[in-house]
């Protein structure tokens, strides 16, 4: 195995700087790119084809779950490690379903991250002990909940639009952001509201928060 190529995706520069400084001390690892939101993480990954993406979950524009789903669909060889402040079930299950190979909490020891990167590159999964607990507790109940939640009925683009609506962007801003017409965004919004049985933007925002598509950070 040659040099492990890594992309860091986190909306806090201080976190990225810290991780980069530590990873660059490893002779076998190289940080080849940094992204501050999920959309940038997807674009950079397709461009640079890293071995591993270290992905924060709560990021603006496109969250870590959606970004992971898109990266894994396009680059099955690229492994993703989730990095989160939360051991919240919804985040954990969302990320596992999106295809992460590792899940670490942000307060983990640095050695744990190095270990996780080495594991996923060898096609092994790596979960923080606290995450394993979260997953094992009532696992069937969680899956049942995830399967029946309305958000799983949305298309990839609809989930993307839902997140941007929840982040307070106007129809026009969303259209510009995802490069489609205002009319298309309106159609997406109507579809989302119909599928989620939501009557207002406020209700959509609540659902997006509840499903972990966006956070109040």
Protein backbone atom coordinates (compact mmCIF):
# COMPACT_ATOMS: atom_id res chain seq x y z
CA UNK A 1 0.00 0.00 0.00
CA UNK A 2 1.45 3.36 -1.01
CA UNK A 3 0.63 6.73 0.47
CA UNK A 4 -2.95 6.98 1.78
CA UNK A 5 -4.60 9.99 0.13
CA UNK A 6 -7.07 11.80 2.40
CA UNK A 7 -9.67 14.58 1.98
CA UNK A 8 -10.87 16.42 5.10
CA UNK A 9 -14.44 17.71 5.01
CA UNK A 10 -15.45 19.92 7.94
CA UNK A 11 -16.98 23.38 8.04
CA UNK A 12 -14.67 24.47 10.87
CA UNK A 13 -11.23 25.48 9.60
CA UNK A 14 -9.70 24.99 13.05
CA UNK A 15 -10.75 21.32 13.01
CA UNK A 16 -9.34 20.80 9.52
CA UNK A 17 -6.06 22.51 10.44
CA UNK A 18 -5.71 20.33 13.55
CA UNK A 19 -6.43 17.11 11.69
CA UNK A 20 -4.12 18.05 8.83
CA UNK A 21 -1.23 18.85 11.18
CA UNK A 22 -1.63 15.52 12.95
CA UNK A 23 -2.12 13.39 9.83
CA UNK A 24 0.84 14.95 8.05
CA UNK A 25 3.03 13.55 10.84
CA UNK A 26 2.14 10.05 9.62
CA UNK A 27 4.64 9.01 6.97
CA UNK A 28 2.01 6.87 5.21
CA UNK A 29 -0.71 9.56 4.97
CA UNK A 30 -1.17 12.68 2.90
CA UNK A 31 -4.01 15.22 3.02
CA UNK A 32 -4.72 16.03 -0.64
CA UNK A 33 -7.71 18.33 -0.19
CA UNK A 34 -10.03 20.13 2.22
CA UNK A 35 -13.72 20.93 1.89
CA UNK A 36 -15.89 23.16 4.06
CA UNK A 37 -19.26 21.77 2.98
CA UNK A 38 -20.69 18.55 1.60
CA UNK A 39 -21.06 19.80 -1.96
CA UNK A 40 -17.38 20.76 -2.08
CA UNK A 41 -16.46 17.38 -0.55
CA UNK A 42 -18.27 15.56 -3.38
CA UNK A 43 -16.70 17.77 -6.07
CA UNK A 44 -13.17 17.41 -4.64
CA UNK A 45 -13.54 13.64 -4.23
CA UNK A 46 -14.61 13.17 -7.85
CA UNK A 47 -11.73 15.37 -8.90
CA UNK A 48 -8.94 13.94 -6.72
CA UNK A 49 -10.16 10.36 -6.04
CA UNK A 50 -8.93 10.00 -2.45
CA UNK A 51 -8.56 6.71 -0.58
CA UNK A 52 -10.37 8.12 2.44
CA UNK A 53 -12.68 11.06 3.14
CA UNK A 54 -12.93 12.14 6.79
CA UNK A 55 -16.43 13.62 6.82
CA UNK A 56 -18.11 15.85 9.38
CA UNK A 57 -21.86 15.17 9.49
CA UNK A 58 -23.31 18.62 10.22
CA UNK A 59 -22.20 20.79 7.33
CA UNK A 60 -24.03 23.56 5.47
CA UNK A 61 -25.39 23.26 1.91
CA UNK A 62 -25.08 19.49 1.71
CA UNK A 63 -24.73 17.51 4.93
CA UNK A 64 -22.31 14.65 5.49
CA UNK A 65 -24.94 11.94 5.04
CA UNK A 66 -25.96 13.14 1.57
CA UNK A 67 -22.35 13.86 0.57
CA UNK A 68 -21.33 10.36 1.67
CA UNK A 69 -24.17 8.80 -0.29
CA UNK A 70 -23.09 10.65 -3.45
CA UNK A 71 -19.37 9.89 -3.03
CA UNK A 72 -19.99 6.18 -2.38
CA UNK A 73 -22.29 5.95 -5.42
CA UNK A 74 -19.65 7.44 -7.73
CA UNK A 75 -16.47 6.15 -6.09
CA UNK A 76 -17.08 2.74 -4.46
CA UNK A 77 -13.33 2.37 -3.77
CA UNK A 78 -13.19 5.56 -1.69
CA UNK A 79 -13.86 4.92 2.00
CA UNK A 80 -15.63 7.46 4.19
CA UNK A 81 -15.12 7.96 7.93
CA UNK A 82 -17.78 9.97 9.74
CA UNK A 83 -16.62 12.44 12.33
CA UNK A 84 -19.32 13.83 14.57
CA UNK A 85 -19.95 15.64 17.82
CA UNK A 86 -22.93 13.36 18.33
CA UNK A 87 -23.53 9.69 19.02
CA UNK A 88 -27.16 10.39 18.12
CA UNK A 89 -28.84 7.28 16.65
CA UNK A 90 -30.26 9.12 13.70
CA UNK A 91 -26.86 10.41 12.60
CA UNK A 92 -25.20 7.03 13.16
CA UNK A 93 -27.80 5.04 11.24
CA UNK A 94 -28.03 7.69 8.52
CA UNK A 95 -24.27 7.56 7.97
CA UNK A 96 -24.12 3.76 8.08
CA UNK A 97 -26.91 3.52 5.53
CA UNK A 98 -25.10 6.08 3.35
CA UNK A 99 -22.09 3.75 3.29
CA UNK A 100 -19.49 4.93 5.81
CA UNK A 101 -16.87 2.43 6.92
CA UNK A 102 -15.99 4.25 10.12
CA UNK A 103 -17.67 6.50 12.66
CA UNK A 104 -15.74 8.48 15.25
CA UNK A 105 -16.73 11.08 17.79
CA UNK A 106 -14.89 14.40 17.56
CA UNK A 107 -13.53 14.08 21.08
CA UNK A 108 -11.76 10.80 20.23
CA UNK A 109 -8.03 10.42 20.70
CA UNK A 110 -6.01 11.11 17.58
CA UNK A 111 -4.62 7.54 17.57
CA UNK A 112 -8.17 6.34 17.07
CA UNK A 113 -8.45 8.32 13.82
CA UNK A 114 -5.16 6.94 12.49
CA UNK A 115 -6.32 3.46 13.42
CA UNK A 116 -9.69 4.06 11.73
CA UNK A 117 -8.02 5.27 8.51
CA UNK A 118 -5.73 2.21 8.41
CA UNK A 119 -8.71 -0.10 9.07
CA UNK A 120 -11.00 1.27 6.37
CA UNK A 121 -8.22 1.26 3.78
CA UNK A 122 -7.97 -2.48 4.47
CA UNK A 123 -11.73 -2.83 3.96
CA UNK A 124 -12.46 -3.24 7.66
CA UNK A 125 -14.98 -1.08 9.47
CA UNK A 126 -14.12 0.99 12.51
CA UNK A 127 -16.67 2.28 15.02
CA UNK A 128 -15.92 4.16 18.23
CA UNK A 129 -16.97 2.05 21.24
CA UNK A 130 -19.74 4.54 22.07
CA UNK A 131 -21.05 4.29 18.53
CA UNK A 132 -21.11 0.49 18.69
CA UNK A 133 -23.27 0.80 21.82
CA UNK A 134 -25.61 3.17 20.03
CA UNK A 135 -25.96 0.84 17.07
CA UNK A 136 -26.44 -2.31 19.09
CA UNK A 137 -29.09 -0.82 21.39
CA UNK A 138 -32.43 -1.67 19.95
CA UNK A 139 -31.04 -2.07 16.42
CA UNK A 140 -34.22 -3.50 14.90
CA UNK A 141 -36.28 -0.66 16.33
CA UNK A 142 -33.98 1.89 14.69
CA UNK A 143 -34.15 0.23 11.29
CA UNK A 144 -37.91 0.02 11.44
CA UNK A 145 -38.05 3.72 12.25
CA UNK A 146 -35.67 4.69 9.45
CA UNK A 147 -37.54 2.61 6.87
CA UNK A 148 -40.89 4.11 7.73
CA UNK A 149 -39.78 7.73 7.95
CA UNK A 150 -41.00 9.81 5.01
CA UNK A 151 -37.58 11.20 4.12
CA UNK A 152 -36.49 7.81 2.75
CA UNK A 153 -39.20 8.26 0.07
CA UNK A 154 -37.50 11.42 -1.26
CA UNK A 155 -35.11 11.36 -4.20
CA UNK A 156 -31.49 12.48 -3.78
CA UNK A 157 -32.28 15.86 -5.34
CA UNK A 158 -35.39 16.28 -3.16
CA UNK A 159 -33.38 15.64 0.00
CA UNK A 160 -30.84 18.20 -1.20
CA UNK A 161 -33.59 20.79 -1.79
CA UNK A 162 -35.17 19.98 1.59
CA UNK A 163 -31.89 20.73 3.37
CA UNK A 164 -31.49 24.06 1.56
CA UNK A 165 -35.10 25.04 2.35
CA UNK A 166 -34.49 24.18 6.01
CA UNK A 167 -31.36 26.35 5.96
CA UNK A 168 -33.55 29.30 5.01
CA UNK A 169 -32.57 29.77 1.36
CA UNK A 170 -35.18 31.27 -0.95
CA UNK A 171 -36.45 29.42 -4.03
CA UNK A 172 -34.33 31.69 -6.21
CA UNK A 173 -31.19 31.09 -4.12
CA UNK A 174 -31.74 27.32 -4.22
CA UNK A 175 -32.19 27.45 -8.00
CA UNK A 176 -28.85 29.28 -8.32
CA UNK A 177 -27.11 26.91 -5.91
CA UNK A 178 -28.11 23.68 -7.65
CA UNK A 179 -28.21 25.15 -11.17
CA UNK A 180 -31.85 24.56 -12.09
CA UNK A 181 -34.79 26.88 -12.83
CA UNK A 182 -36.95 28.48 -10.14
CA UNK A 183 -39.87 26.50 -11.57
CA UNK A 184 -37.99 23.21 -11.05
CA UNK A 185 -37.27 24.11 -7.41
CA UNK A 186 -40.94 24.92 -6.90
CA UNK A 187 -41.90 21.53 -8.36
CA UNK A 188 -39.39 19.81 -6.05
CA UNK A 189 -40.81 21.71 -3.08
CA UNK A 190 -44.37 20.68 -3.92
CA UNK A 191 -43.29 17.06 -4.29
CA UNK A 192 -41.41 17.15 -0.97
CA UNK A 193 -44.41 18.65 0.83
CA UNK A 194 -46.71 16.06 -0.70
CA UNK A 195 -44.43 13.12 0.16
CA UNK A 196 -43.82 14.33 3.72
CA UNK A 197 -47.40 15.48 4.19
CA UNK A 198 -46.13 18.90 5.30
CA UNK A 199 -48.29 22.02 5.11
CA UNK A 200 -45.64 24.71 5.56
CA UNK A 201 -41.95 25.55 5.24
CA UNK A 202 -41.74 25.60 9.05
CA UNK A 203 -42.99 22.01 9.12
CA UNK A 204 -40.45 21.00 6.45
CA UNK A 205 -37.69 22.60 8.53
CA UNK A 206 -38.79 20.64 11.60
CA UNK A 207 -38.72 17.37 9.64
CA UNK A 208 -35.27 18.14 8.23
CA UNK A 209 -33.96 18.80 11.75
CA UNK A 210 -35.59 15.67 13.13
CA UNK A 211 -34.13 13.52 10.37
CA UNK A 212 -30.64 14.94 10.84
CA UNK A 213 -30.51 16.52 7.34
CA UNK A 214 -29.54 19.82 8.89
CA UNK A 215 -28.68 21.10 12.35
CA UNK A 216 -29.21 24.30 14.27
CA UNK A 217 -25.48 25.06 14.51
